[in-house]
Amino acid sequence: MPSSDRRTRAWVEVRAEALRRNYRSVRVAAGGDVGMIPMVKADAYGLGVDRMVTTLEPESPLAWGVATVQEGCRLRELGVERPILVVTPLPPGSYPDAVAADLTVCLSSLDGLRLLGEAVARLARAATFQVEVDTGMGRSGFDWRQAAQWGPVVADRHRSAMRWTGCFTHLHSADEDPKTVPVQWQRLVDGLSSIP
């Protein structure tokens, strides 16, 4: 996919088959029969979200990951029907747009849970969400040590028109210090295990 601008000094060429092969390799390394969520935020990291989605859609990803509601709406405009996960906390005014576009939102606070509930009630539509659990990055997410407090509140909302479809954490130093990965993983497991 070379640049069409001859003034460009640098560019990236991505072969579609190589991208699909890499996707399959990651799936095998992750255990074979796992759901994968390709991150296509920031216009697929500048590679062109429409091309990346078209290239990887035949691989049947579980969902697509984006950073903002606007990016999720763009995927819907492209005709994407699979779930779309917005992996960053939403600004307060974005919840109605997320619900209207059938985006799965990331919740990192009880305030976000309340705002999602208000949007669901106002639009009379169901919504899906995932919970971000902070296991050490310190940027956003429910604190894993307080899961016994926030977990029941989140689980109770799951029984309404809001469906809890998953949870995740950010591994803050996996590349620089691999020893942090099992620590963060255990924190995630411990936090979720403490939810009554």
Foldseek 3Di string as FASTA:
>chain_A
DDDPDPVDPDDDDDDLVVVQVVVQVVCVVVPNPDADAAECEPCNVPPHVLVNCVSCVVVPHQEYEYQALVVLVVVVVSVDDHEYERQYAYDLVCLLSCQVSQHAYEDADVVSVVSNVVSCVVVVAAHEYEFEEELDPPDTHHDLVCLQPVVVVVVVCCPPSYNHDYYYYDQNQCPPDVVSVVSSVVSNVSSVVNHD
